[in-house]
Amino acid sequence: MAFTLLLTPLASAQLTEIEKDLRKYRKVRKCLGLIERDPLYPGLRSHRYAELDQLHGEKIWESYVENRAPGAFRVFWHYGPGQAEITVVAITPHP
């Protein structure tokens, strides 16, 4: 089942900022494409990130853009609001 991705204004602004680094941007776009096709694809290592649930009022998931890299990016998202939709909440580097 394919999903339609929606970006919050914050996620959209973060993606625009990432565009300045073409290498990172390509990795983030690949991750977003995988989330669109299969959000639980094993390579994404998607898992619940319950600490953010109350802040957004949804069950938040985290997917890896990169692993074992300094400043590796993560994509935070939730299912919905509609059927077959996923809302990307944030795209941030891992501390």
Protein backbone atom coordinates (compact mmCIF):
# COMPACT_ATOMS: atom_id res chain seq x y z
CA MET A 1 0.00 0.00 0.00
CA ALA A 2 1.44 3.36 -1.00
CA PHE A 3 0.95 6.44 1.14
CA THR A 4 0.68 10.12 0.32
CA LEU A 5 3.21 12.17 2.29
CA LEU A 6 2.19 15.46 3.85
CA LEU A 7 4.78 17.75 5.43
CA THR A 8 4.14 20.09 8.33
CA PRO A 9 5.41 23.65 7.82
CA LEU A 10 8.35 22.80 10.10
CA ALA A 11 9.27 19.67 8.11
CA SER A 12 8.94 21.58 4.85
CA ALA A 13 11.28 24.32 6.10
CA GLN A 14 13.76 21.72 7.34
CA LEU A 15 13.73 19.96 3.96
CA THR A 16 14.37 23.29 2.22
CA GLU A 17 17.36 23.88 4.51
CA ILE A 18 18.72 20.38 3.83
CA GLU A 19 18.62 21.08 0.07
CA LYS A 20 21.80 23.13 0.56
CA ASP A 21 23.72 19.87 1.10
CA LEU A 22 22.95 17.79 -2.00
CA ARG A 23 24.36 14.56 -0.54
CA LYS A 24 22.18 14.79 2.59
CA TYR A 25 19.19 15.95 0.56
CA ARG A 26 19.37 12.87 -1.68
CA LYS A 27 19.49 10.59 1.37
CA VAL A 28 16.52 12.33 2.96
CA ARG A 29 14.52 12.14 -0.30
CA LYS A 30 15.32 8.42 -0.57
CA CYS A 31 14.12 7.90 3.01
CA LEU A 32 10.90 9.83 2.32
CA GLY A 33 10.32 7.70 -0.79
CA LEU A 34 10.73 4.52 1.23
CA ILE A 35 8.34 5.81 3.90
CA GLU A 36 5.85 6.59 1.15
CA ARG A 37 6.04 3.03 -0.22
CA ASP A 38 6.50 1.08 3.03
CA PRO A 39 6.95 3.00 6.30
CA LEU A 40 8.04 -0.16 8.08
CA TYR A 41 10.68 -1.11 5.50
CA PRO A 42 13.47 -2.79 7.55
CA GLY A 43 16.24 -0.48 6.31
CA LEU A 44 14.44 2.54 7.78
CA ARG A 45 14.53 1.02 11.26
CA SER A 46 11.19 2.73 11.93
CA HIS A 47 10.06 2.61 15.52
CA ARG A 48 7.64 4.41 17.82
CA TYR A 49 8.98 7.53 19.50
CA ALA A 50 6.44 7.78 22.31
CA GLU A 51 8.14 10.78 23.95
CA LEU A 52 6.64 13.00 21.21
CA ASP A 53 3.12 11.51 21.21
CA GLN A 54 1.61 14.01 23.63
CA LEU A 55 3.26 16.98 21.94
CA HIS A 56 1.63 16.14 18.60
CA GLY A 57 -1.46 14.26 19.76
CA GLU A 58 -0.55 11.31 17.53
CA LYS A 59 1.57 8.16 17.72
CA ILE A 60 4.91 9.44 16.43
CA TRP A 61 7.36 7.23 14.56
CA GLU A 62 11.05 7.75 13.88
CA SER A 63 12.81 6.50 10.73
CA TYR A 64 16.53 6.56 10.04
CA VAL A 65 17.91 8.46 7.06
CA GLU A 66 21.42 7.37 8.03
CA ASN A 67 22.93 5.24 10.73
CA ARG A 68 26.28 5.45 12.47
CA ALA A 69 27.17 8.80 10.94
CA PRO A 70 27.85 12.03 12.81
CA GLY A 71 24.73 14.17 12.67
CA ALA A 72 22.73 11.37 11.03
CA PHE A 73 19.27 12.59 10.07
CA ARG A 74 15.98 11.17 11.32
CA VAL A 75 12.46 11.61 10.00
CA PHE A 76 9.62 11.88 12.53
CA TRP A 77 6.12 11.13 11.25
CA HIS A 78 2.65 9.82 12.06
CA TYR A 79 -0.13 8.07 10.18
CA GLY A 80 -2.95 10.28 8.94
CA PRO A 81 -4.86 12.50 9.01
CA GLY A 82 -6.63 10.58 6.23
CA GLN A 83 -6.53 7.03 4.99
CA ALA A 84 -3.28 6.20 3.21
CA GLU A 85 -1.65 9.45 4.39
CA ILE A 86 1.47 10.01 6.46
CA THR A 87 2.35 13.38 7.97
CA VAL A 88 6.06 14.16 8.30
CA VAL A 89 6.44 16.19 11.48
CA ALA A 90 10.19 16.88 11.43
CA ILE A 91 13.46 16.04 9.65
CA THR A 92 16.32 16.57 12.06
CA PRO A 93 19.90 15.49 12.72
CA HIS A 94 20.35 13.01 15.53
CA PRO A 95 22.13 14.62 18.47
